[in-house]
C-alpha atoms as a PDB file:
ATOM      1  CA  UNK A   1       0.141  -0.385  -0.107  1.00  0.00           C
ATOM      2  CA  UNK A   2       2.727   2.858   0.373  1.00  0.00           C
ATOM      3  CA  UNK A   3       4.070   1.755  -3.391  1.00  0.00           C
ATOM      4  CA  UNK A   4      -0.280   1.758  -4.234  1.00  0.00           C
ATOM      5  CA  UNK A   5      -2.419   4.072  -2.636  1.00  0.00           C
ATOM      6  CA  UNK A   6      -5.253   2.209  -3.835  1.00  0.00           C
ATOM      7  CA  UNK A   7      -4.531  -0.363  -1.979  1.00  0.00           C
ATOM      8  CA  UNK A   8      -4.798   1.063   1.635  1.00  0.00           C
ATOM      9  CA  UNK A   9      -7.071  -0.411   4.343  1.00  0.00           C
ATOM     10  CA  UNK A  10      -6.976  -3.121   3.531  1.00  0.00           C
ATOM     11  CA  UNK A  11      -4.903  -4.299   5.855  1.00  0.00           C
ATOM     12  CA  UNK A  12      -3.342  -7.342   4.088  1.00  0.00           C
ATOM     13  CA  UNK A  13      -0.767  -8.238   7.177  1.00  0.00           C
ATOM     14  CA  UNK A  14      -2.845  -7.092   9.473  1.00  0.00           C
ATOM     15  CA  UNK A  15       0.150  -4.740  11.005  1.00  0.00           C
ATOM     16  CA  UNK A  16      -2.109  -1.661   9.791  1.00  0.00           C
ATOM     17  CA  UNK A  17      -4.543  -2.390  12.175  1.00  0.00           C
ATOM     18  CA  UNK A  18      -2.203  -3.431  15.099  1.00  0.00           C
ATOM     19  CA  UNK A  19      -0.284   0.134  14.634  1.00  0.00           C
ATOM     20  CA  UNK A  20      -3.786   2.147  14.590  1.00  0.00           C
ATOM     21  CA  UNK A  21      -4.969   0.677  17.883  1.00  0.00           C
ATOM     22  CA  UNK A  22      -1.750   1.615  19.311  1.00  0.00           C
ATOM     23  CA  UNK A  23      -1.702   4.901  18.236  1.00  0.00           C
ATOM     24  CA  UNK A  24      -4.975   5.384  19.673  1.00  0.00           C
ATOM     25  CA  UNK A  25      -3.431   3.918  23.070  1.00  0.00           C
ATOM     26  CA  UNK A  26      -0.850   6.160  23.203  1.00  0.00           C
ATOM     27  CA  UNK A  27      -3.052   9.130  22.463  1.00  0.00           C
ATOM     28  CA  UNK A  28      -5.855   8.095  24.200  1.00  0.00           C
ATOM     29  CA  UNK A  29      -4.661   9.959  27.816  1.00  0.00           C
ATOM     30  CA  UNK A  30      -3.711  13.082  26.157  1.00  0.00           C
ATOM     31  CA  UNK A  31      -6.972  13.960  24.098  1.00  0.00           C
ATOM     32  CA  UNK A  32      -8.806  14.754  27.113  1.00  0.00           C
ATOM     33  CA  UNK A  33      -6.117  17.457  28.293  1.00  0.00           C
ATOM     34  CA  UNK A  34      -6.401  19.015  24.544  1.00  0.00           C
ATOM     35  CA  UNK A  35     -10.126  18.273  24.643  1.00  0.00           C
ATOM     36  CA  UNK A  36     -10.184  20.583  28.050  1.00  0.00           C
ATOM     37  CA  UNK A  37      -7.580  23.490  26.898  1.00  0.00           C
ATOM     38  CA  UNK A  38      -9.481  24.450  23.912  1.00  0.00           C
ATOM     39  CA  UNK A  39     -13.034  23.927  26.031  1.00  0.00           C
ATOM     40  CA  UNK A  40     -10.648  27.155  28.469  1.00  0.00           C
ATOM     41  CA  UNK A  41      -9.665  29.023  25.644  1.00  0.00           C
ATOM     42  CA  UNK A  42     -12.792  29.020  23.928  1.00  0.00           C
ATOM     43  CA  UNK A  43     -14.950  30.008  27.648  1.00  0.00           C
ATOM     44  CA  UNK A  44     -12.279  32.689  28.197  1.00  0.00           C
ATOM     45  CA  UNK A  45     -11.423  30.766  31.396  1.00  0.00           C
ATOM     46  CA  UNK A  46      -7.520  30.475  29.898  1.00  0.00           C
ATOM     47  CA  UNK A  47      -5.537  33.417  28.694  1.00  0.00           C
ATOM     48  CA  UNK A  48      -2.084  33.159  30.096  1.00  0.00           C
ATOM     49  CA  UNK A  49       0.702  31.679  28.345  1.00  0.00           C
ATOM     50  CA  UNK A  50       2.073  28.562  30.405  1.00  0.00           C
ATOM     51  CA  UNK A  51       3.578  26.236  27.835  1.00  0.00           C
ATOM     52  CA  UNK A  52       4.386  25.288  24.312  1.00  0.00           C
ATOM     53  CA  UNK A  53       0.941  25.045  22.794  1.00  0.00           C
ATOM     54  CA  UNK A  54       0.612  28.643  24.220  1.00  0.00           C
ATOM     55  CA  UNK A  55       3.866  29.809  22.696  1.00  0.00           C
ATOM     56  CA  UNK A  56       2.227  27.854  18.943  1.00  0.00           C
ATOM     57  CA  UNK A  57      -1.827  29.802  19.028  1.00  0.00           C
ATOM     58  CA  UNK A  58      -0.040  33.263  19.281  1.00  0.00           C
ATOM     59  CA  UNK A  59       3.090  31.983  16.741  1.00  0.00           C
ATOM     60  CA  UNK A  60       0.437  31.031  14.601  1.00  0.00           C
ATOM     61  CA  UNK A  61      -1.536  34.570  15.303  1.00  0.00           C
ATOM     62  CA  UNK A  62       1.912  36.392  13.715  1.00  0.00           C
ATOM     63  CA  UNK A  63       1.940  34.105  10.580  1.00  0.00           C
ATOM     64  CA  UNK A  64      -1.274  34.960   9.198  1.00  0.00           C
ATOM     65  CA  UNK A  65      -0.438  38.896  10.307  1.00  0.00           C
ATOM     66  CA  UNK A  66       2.144  38.949   7.845  1.00  0.00           C
ATOM     67  CA  UNK A  67       1.193  36.106   4.685  1.00  0.00           C
ATOM     68  CA  UNK A  68       4.213  36.647   3.269  1.00  0.00           C
ATOM     69  CA  UNK A  69       5.944  34.537   6.210  1.00  0.00           C
ATOM     70  CA  UNK A  70       3.871  31.920   6.035  1.00  0.00           C
ATOM     71  CA  UNK A  71       4.545  31.776   2.443  1.00  0.00           C
ATOM     72  CA  UNK A  72       8.047  31.484   2.930  1.00  0.00           C
ATOM     73  CA  UNK A  73       8.034  28.730   5.634  1.00  0.00           C
ATOM     74  CA  UNK A  74       5.380  26.711   3.331  1.00  0.00           C
ATOM     75  CA  UNK A  75       7.188  27.290   0.283  1.00  0.00           C
ATOM     76  CA  UNK A  76      10.501  26.054   2.144  1.00  0.00           C
ATOM     77  CA  UNK A  77       8.381  22.740   3.483  1.00  0.00           C
ATOM     78  CA  UNK A  78       7.078  22.157  -0.183  1.00  0.00           C
ATOM     79  CA  UNK A  79      10.568  22.481  -0.950  1.00  0.00           C
ATOM     80  CA  UNK A  80      11.581  19.575   1.141  1.00  0.00           C
ATOM     81  CA  UNK A  81       8.433  17.632   1.260  1.00  0.00           C
ATOM     82  CA  UNK A  82       6.732  17.969  -2.441  1.00  0.00           C
ATOM     83  CA  UNK A  83       4.260  19.827  -2.585  1.00  0.00           C
ATOM     84  CA  UNK A  84       2.084  16.726  -4.540  1.00  0.00           C
ATOM     85  CA  UNK A  85       4.161  14.282  -2.448  1.00  0.00           C
ATOM     86  CA  UNK A  86       2.607  11.292  -1.215  1.00  0.00           C
ATOM     87  CA  UNK A  87       3.585  12.098   2.687  1.00  0.00           C
ATOM     88  CA  UNK A  88       3.692  14.196   5.529  1.00  0.00           C
ATOM     89  CA  UNK A  89       6.425  15.952   7.077  1.00  0.00           C
ATOM     90  CA  UNK A  90       8.760  13.335   9.142  1.00  0.00           C
ATOM     91  CA  UNK A  91      11.427  13.881  11.471  1.00  0.00           C
ATOM     92  CA  UNK A  92      14.108  13.344   8.750  1.00  0.00           C
ATOM     93  CA  UNK A  93      13.007  16.378   7.300  1.00  0.00           C
ATOM     94  CA  UNK A  94      13.237  18.885  10.381  1.00  0.00           C
ATOM     95  CA  UNK A  95      17.373  19.055   9.417  1.00  0.00           C
ATOM     96  CA  UNK A  96      16.352  20.824   6.002  1.00  0.00           C
ATOM     97  CA  UNK A  97      13.321  23.249   7.685  1.00  0.00           C
ATOM     98  CA  UNK A  98      15.931  26.195   8.833  1.00  0.00           C
ATOM     99  CA  UNK A  99      12.992  28.325   8.105  1.00  0.00           C
ATOM    100  CA  UNK A 100      10.452  26.938   9.950  1.00  0.00           C
ATOM    101  CA  UNK A 101      12.570  26.566  13.072  1.00  0.00           C
ATOM    102  CA  UNK A 102      13.999  30.227  12.635  1.00  0.00           C
ATOM    103  CA  UNK A 103       9.833  31.068  12.969  1.00  0.00           C
ATOM    104  CA  UNK A 104       9.602  29.100  16.286  1.00  0.00           C
ATOM    105  CA  UNK A 105      13.099  30.435  17.798  1.00  0.00           C
ATOM    106  CA  UNK A 106      11.422  33.987  17.084  1.00  0.00           C
ATOM    107  CA  UNK A 107       8.227  32.927  18.861  1.00  0.00           C
ATOM    108  CA  UNK A 108      10.436  31.638  21.670  1.00  0.00           C
ATOM    109  CA  UNK A 109      12.120  34.954  21.795  1.00  0.00           C
ATOM    110  CA  UNK A 110       9.236  37.471  21.562  1.00  0.00           C
ATOM    111  CA  UNK A 111       6.345  35.206  23.062  1.00  0.00           C
ATOM    112  CA  UNK A 112       8.053  33.539  26.344  1.00  0.00           C
ATOM    113  CA  UNK A 113       6.658  30.008  27.902  1.00  0.00           C
ATOM    114  CA  UNK A 114       6.809  32.585  31.003  1.00  0.00           C
ATOM    115  CA  UNK A 115       8.588  35.849  31.778  1.00  0.00           C
ATOM    116  CA  UNK A 116      11.072  34.230  34.307  1.00  0.00           C
ATOM    117  CA  UNK A 117      13.107  31.615  34.107  1.00  0.00           C
ATOM    118  CA  UNK A 118      13.074  28.675  37.306  1.00  0.00           C
ATOM    119  CA  UNK A 119      14.755  30.986  40.431  1.00  0.00           C
ATOM    120  CA  UNK A 120      18.314  29.723  41.609  1.00  0.00           C
ATOM    121  CA  UNK A 121      20.527  30.470  43.976  1.00  0.00           C
ATOM    122  CA  UNK A 122      24.087  31.573  44.198  1.00  0.00           C
ATOM    123  CA  UNK A 123      26.337  29.114  45.846  1.00  0.00           C
ATOM    124  CA  UNK A 124      29.721  31.141  46.336  1.00  0.00           C
ATOM    125  CA  UNK A 125      30.674  34.823  46.051  1.00  0.00           C
ATOM    126  CA  UNK A 126      30.797  35.240  42.187  1.00  0.00           C
ATOM    127  CA  UNK A 127      30.833  38.049  39.789  1.00  0.00           C
ATOM    128  CA  UNK A 128      28.389  38.079  36.306  1.00  0.00           C
ATOM    129  CA  UNK A 129      29.071  41.138  33.523  1.00  0.00           C
ATOM    130  CA  UNK A 130      30.825  42.857  35.980  1.00  0.00           C
ATOM    131  CA  UNK A 131      28.476  42.617  38.779  1.00  0.00           C
ATOM    132  CA  UNK A 132      28.820  40.926  42.111  1.00  0.00           C
ATOM    133  CA  UNK A 133      25.869  38.645  42.876  1.00  0.00           C
ATOM    134  CA  UNK A 134      26.752  37.438  46.852  1.00  0.00           C
ATOM    135  CA  UNK A 135      26.682  33.865  48.383  1.00  0.00           C
ATOM    136  CA  UNK A 136      22.945  33.026  49.000  1.00  0.00           C
ATOM    137  CA  UNK A 137      21.809  35.300  46.779  1.00  0.00           C
ATOM    138  CA  UNK A 138      18.198  34.223  44.497  1.00  0.00           C
ATOM    139  CA  UNK A 139      19.238  35.130  40.915  1.00  0.00           C
ATOM    140  CA  UNK A 140      15.865  35.218  38.366  1.00  0.00           C
ATOM    141  CA  UNK A 141      16.295  36.135  34.500  1.00  0.00           C
ATOM    142  CA  UNK A 142      14.009  37.953  33.177  1.00  0.00           C
ATOM    143  CA  UNK A 143      12.819  35.920  29.494  1.00  0.00           C
ATOM    144  CA  UNK A 144      10.500  38.890  28.672  1.00  0.00           C
ATOM    145  CA  UNK A 145      13.301  41.221  29.443  1.00  0.00           C
ATOM    146  CA  UNK A 146      16.247  39.116  27.644  1.00  0.00           C
ATOM    147  CA  UNK A 147      14.510  37.690  24.355  1.00  0.00           C
ATOM    148  CA  UNK A 148      13.404  42.126  23.659  1.00  0.00           C
ATOM    149  CA  UNK A 149      16.217  43.299  25.138  1.00  0.00           C
ATOM    150  CA  UNK A 150      17.098  46.559  22.227  1.00  0.00           C
ATOM    151  CA  UNK A 151      20.865  46.763  23.272  1.00  0.00           C
ATOM    152  CA  UNK A 152      21.433  42.623  21.788  1.00  0.00           C
ATOM    153  CA  UNK A 153      17.806  42.498  19.260  1.00  0.00           C
ATOM    154  CA  UNK A 154      17.330  45.097  16.687  1.00  0.00           C
ATOM    155  CA  UNK A 155      13.485  46.592  16.462  1.00  0.00           C
ATOM    156  CA  UNK A 156      12.857  43.589  19.196  1.00  0.00           C
ATOM    157  CA  UNK A 157       8.992  44.260  19.078  1.00  0.00           C
ATOM    158  CA  UNK A 158       8.705  42.971  15.488  1.00  0.00           C
ATOM    159  CA  UNK A 159       8.471  39.210  14.441  1.00  0.00           C
ATOM    160  CA  UNK A 160      11.511  38.412  12.305  1.00  0.00           C
ATOM    161  CA  UNK A 161      12.609  35.111  11.687  1.00  0.00           C
ATOM    162  CA  UNK A 162      15.362  36.580   9.375  1.00  0.00           C
ATOM    163  CA  UNK A 163      17.363  37.701  12.372  1.00  0.00           C
ATOM    164  CA  UNK A 164      18.058  33.904  13.140  1.00  0.00           C
ATOM    165  CA  UNK A 165      19.279  33.019   9.714  1.00  0.00           C
ATOM    166  CA  UNK A 166      22.863  32.913   8.243  1.00  0.00           C
ATOM    167  CA  UNK A 167      24.952  31.072  11.115  1.00  0.00           C
ATOM    168  CA  UNK A 168      27.779  29.768  10.387  1.00  0.00           C
ATOM    169  CA  UNK A 169      27.029  25.775   8.953  1.00  0.00           C
ATOM    170  CA  UNK A 170      23.603  27.480   7.893  1.00  0.00           C
ATOM    171  CA  UNK A 171      21.418  24.597  10.159  1.00  0.00           C
ATOM    172  CA  UNK A 172      19.373  26.631  13.099  1.00  0.00           C
ATOM    173  CA  UNK A 173      18.960  25.217  16.176  1.00  0.00           C
ATOM    174  CA  UNK A 174      16.241  25.953  19.065  1.00  0.00           C
ATOM    175  CA  UNK A 175      18.611  25.742  21.465  1.00  0.00           C
ATOM    176  CA  UNK A 176      20.253  29.635  22.786  1.00  0.00           C
ATOM    177  CA  UNK A 177      23.307  28.533  24.546  1.00  0.00           C
ATOM    178  CA  UNK A 178      24.610  32.516  24.648  1.00  0.00           C
ATOM    179  CA  UNK A 179      21.066  33.063  26.576  1.00  0.00           C
ATOM    180  CA  UNK A 180      19.837  35.881  24.469  1.00  0.00           C
ATOM    181  CA  UNK A 181      16.503  34.451  25.444  1.00  0.00           C
ATOM    182  CA  UNK A 182      15.578  31.719  26.620  1.00  0.00           C
ATOM    183  CA  UNK A 183      13.847  28.383  24.999  1.00  0.00           C
ATOM    184  CA  UNK A 184      15.422  25.287  26.647  1.00  0.00           C
ATOM    185  CA  UNK A 185      17.676  27.176  28.831  1.00  0.00           C
ATOM    186  CA  UNK A 186      21.679  26.531  28.808  1.00  0.00           C
ATOM    187  CA  UNK A 187      24.192  24.828  30.760  1.00  0.00           C
ATOM    188  CA  UNK A 188      24.111  21.470  33.546  1.00  0.00           C
ATOM    189  CA  UNK A 189      21.200  22.882  34.629  1.00  0.00           C
ATOM    190  CA  UNK A 190      19.688  23.217  30.975  1.00  0.00           C
ATOM    191  CA  UNK A 191      16.326  21.185  29.666  1.00  0.00           C
ATOM    192  CA  UNK A 192      16.853  17.510  29.102  1.00  0.00           C
ATOM    193  CA  UNK A 193      14.545  17.116  26.506  1.00  0.00           C
ATOM    194  CA  UNK A 194      15.952  19.911  24.347  1.00  0.00           C
ATOM    195  CA  UNK A 195      16.185  16.930  21.006  1.00  0.00           C
ATOM    196  CA  UNK A 196      12.529  15.810  21.993  1.00  0.00           C
ATOM    197  CA  UNK A 197      11.273  19.360  22.572  1.00  0.00           C
ATOM    198  CA  UNK A 198      12.796  20.515  19.397  1.00  0.00           C
ATOM    199  CA  UNK A 199      11.233  17.784  17.320  1.00  0.00           C
ATOM    200  CA  UNK A 200       7.955  18.213  18.718  1.00  0.00           C
ATOM    201  CA  UNK A 201       8.147  21.751  18.201  1.00  0.00           C
ATOM    202  CA  UNK A 202       9.080  22.027  14.517  1.00  0.00           C
ATOM    203  CA  UNK A 203       6.614  18.817  13.764  1.00  0.00           C
ATOM    204  CA  UNK A 204       3.688  20.839  14.632  1.00  0.00           C
ATOM    205  CA  UNK A 205       4.398  23.943  12.905  1.00  0.00           C
ATOM    206  CA  UNK A 206       5.802  22.136   9.891  1.00  0.00           C
ATOM    207  CA  UNK A 207       2.101  20.243   9.551  1.00  0.00           C
ATOM    208  CA  UNK A 208      -0.384  23.093  10.739  1.00  0.00           C
ATOM    209  CA  UNK A 209       1.372  25.177   7.791  1.00  0.00           C
ATOM    210  CA  UNK A 210       1.528  21.871   5.536  1.00  0.00           C
ATOM    211  CA  UNK A 211      -1.921  20.260   5.501  1.00  0.00           C
ATOM    212  CA  UNK A 212      -3.611  23.842   5.766  1.00  0.00           C
ATOM    213  CA  UNK A 213      -4.311  27.003   4.769  1.00  0.00           C
ATOM    214  CA  UNK A 214      -4.846  29.406   7.357  1.00  0.00           C
ATOM    215  CA  UNK A 215      -6.898  32.783   7.231  1.00  0.00           C
ATOM    216  CA  UNK A 216      -9.161  34.872   9.432  1.00  0.00           C
ATOM    217  CA  UNK A 217     -12.731  35.842   9.339  1.00  0.00           C
ATOM    218  CA  UNK A 218     -11.429  39.543   9.723  1.00  0.00           C
ATOM    219  CA  UNK A 219      -8.262  39.742   7.645  1.00  0.00           C
ATOM    220  CA  UNK A 220      -5.843  39.901  10.275  1.00  0.00           C
ATOM    221  CA  UNK A 221      -5.155  39.231  13.909  1.00  0.00           C
ATOM    222  CA  UNK A 222      -4.697  41.932  17.263  1.00  0.00           C
ATOM    223  CA  UNK A 223      -1.611  41.291  18.554  1.00  0.00           C
ATOM    224  CA  UNK A 224      -2.426  43.586  21.516  1.00  0.00           C
ATOM    225  CA  UNK A 225      -0.754  42.112  24.524  1.00  0.00           C
ATOM    226  CA  UNK A 226      -3.438  41.838  27.741  1.00  0.00           C
ATOM    227  CA  UNK A 227      -2.452  43.741  30.704  1.00  0.00           C
ATOM    228  CA  UNK A 228       0.102  42.423  32.996  1.00  0.00           C
ATOM    229  CA  UNK A 229       0.590  39.173  31.398  1.00  0.00           C
ATOM    230  CA  UNK A 230       2.191  37.964  27.837  1.00  0.00           C
ATOM    231  CA  UNK A 231      -1.002  36.648  26.676  1.00  0.00           C
ATOM    232  CA  UNK A 232      -2.846  37.793  23.479  1.00  0.00           C
ATOM    233  CA  UNK A 233      -5.540  40.594  24.919  1.00  0.00           C
ATOM    234  CA  UNK A 234      -7.737  38.794  22.202  1.00  0.00           C
ATOM    235  CA  UNK A 235      -8.521  34.990  21.447  1.00  0.00           C
ATOM    236  CA  UNK A 236      -7.186  33.759  17.967  1.00  0.00           C
ATOM    237  CA  UNK A 237      -9.884  32.737  16.006  1.00  0.00           C
ATOM    238  CA  UNK A 238      -8.579  31.009  12.521  1.00  0.00           C
ATOM    239  CA  UNK A 239      -9.894  28.970   9.895  1.00  0.00           C
ATOM    240  CA  UNK A 240      -7.863  26.129   8.227  1.00  0.00           C
ATOM    241  CA  UNK A 241      -8.393  25.239   5.032  1.00  0.00           C
ATOM    242  CA  UNK A 242      -7.630  21.566   3.291  1.00  0.00           C
ATOM    243  CA  UNK A 243      -4.204  21.618   1.182  1.00  0.00           C
ATOM    244  CA  UNK A 244      -3.418  18.280   0.826  1.00  0.00           C
ATOM    245  CA  UNK A 245      -5.005  15.063  -0.502  1.00  0.00           C
ATOM    246  CA  UNK A 246      -7.900  14.442   1.573  1.00  0.00           C
ATOM    247  CA  UNK A 247      -6.457  10.080   2.381  1.00  0.00           C
ATOM    248  CA  UNK A 248      -3.399  12.335   3.977  1.00  0.00           C
ATOM    249  CA  UNK A 249      -5.624  13.441   6.525  1.00  0.00           C
ATOM    250  CA  UNK A 250      -7.258  10.475   6.956  1.00  0.00           C
ATOM    251  CA  UNK A 251      -4.032   8.319   7.677  1.00  0.00           C
ATOM    252  CA  UNK A 252      -3.300  10.484  10.558  1.00  0.00           C
ATOM    253  CA  UNK A 253      -6.435   9.705  12.422  1.00  0.00           C
END
């Protein structure tokens, strides 16, 4: 059936049924959480950004507001995977999706998951950038301040994935080891799930862009932030329009 799509669904060797049942078992604990999150956003109970899903809602807002950026990201996916390819984006494609990853980096920079990093306590006197940090001090890094620092970033409030392109080897990575912003942190206490997080983040955005054309009823998104928090003041309302062959959507169920 990999070579003859018309034979899909016949399940000649029985393995397709086994895989689908395993997939349902894996997704069963997650689906109620996702459904509850959708309900909270629609009812207005939840407004603040507190995890990766919320960052991607804001990222999608940015791309909808700048169609040229969305076309660049979608065009990259079509070049790597193929517009008429009989498959969806796979993990093996991630290395080549540098513009997609640049969009994610820019979302991490401009719209962080939390306003502050996890606090740490200094175990001895130390000097950082000329500042003395005495032993026992509680150090708290501002994700908001780092990502929007005008001394580090040109026009910091503008969503511009291009600023993350053009590295020495051409590959874009989501981790920021120089702490110009915080995505997965760094050092010995950095996130142990950086590789997994990179894979999940890239696959999520890539498939959202590959599978659908996104529009809004008003033609744009209000990106004004709510008071005293990093989330948007107004919730996102977007319409997805399928852009691939119908059988590809059935295979992801």
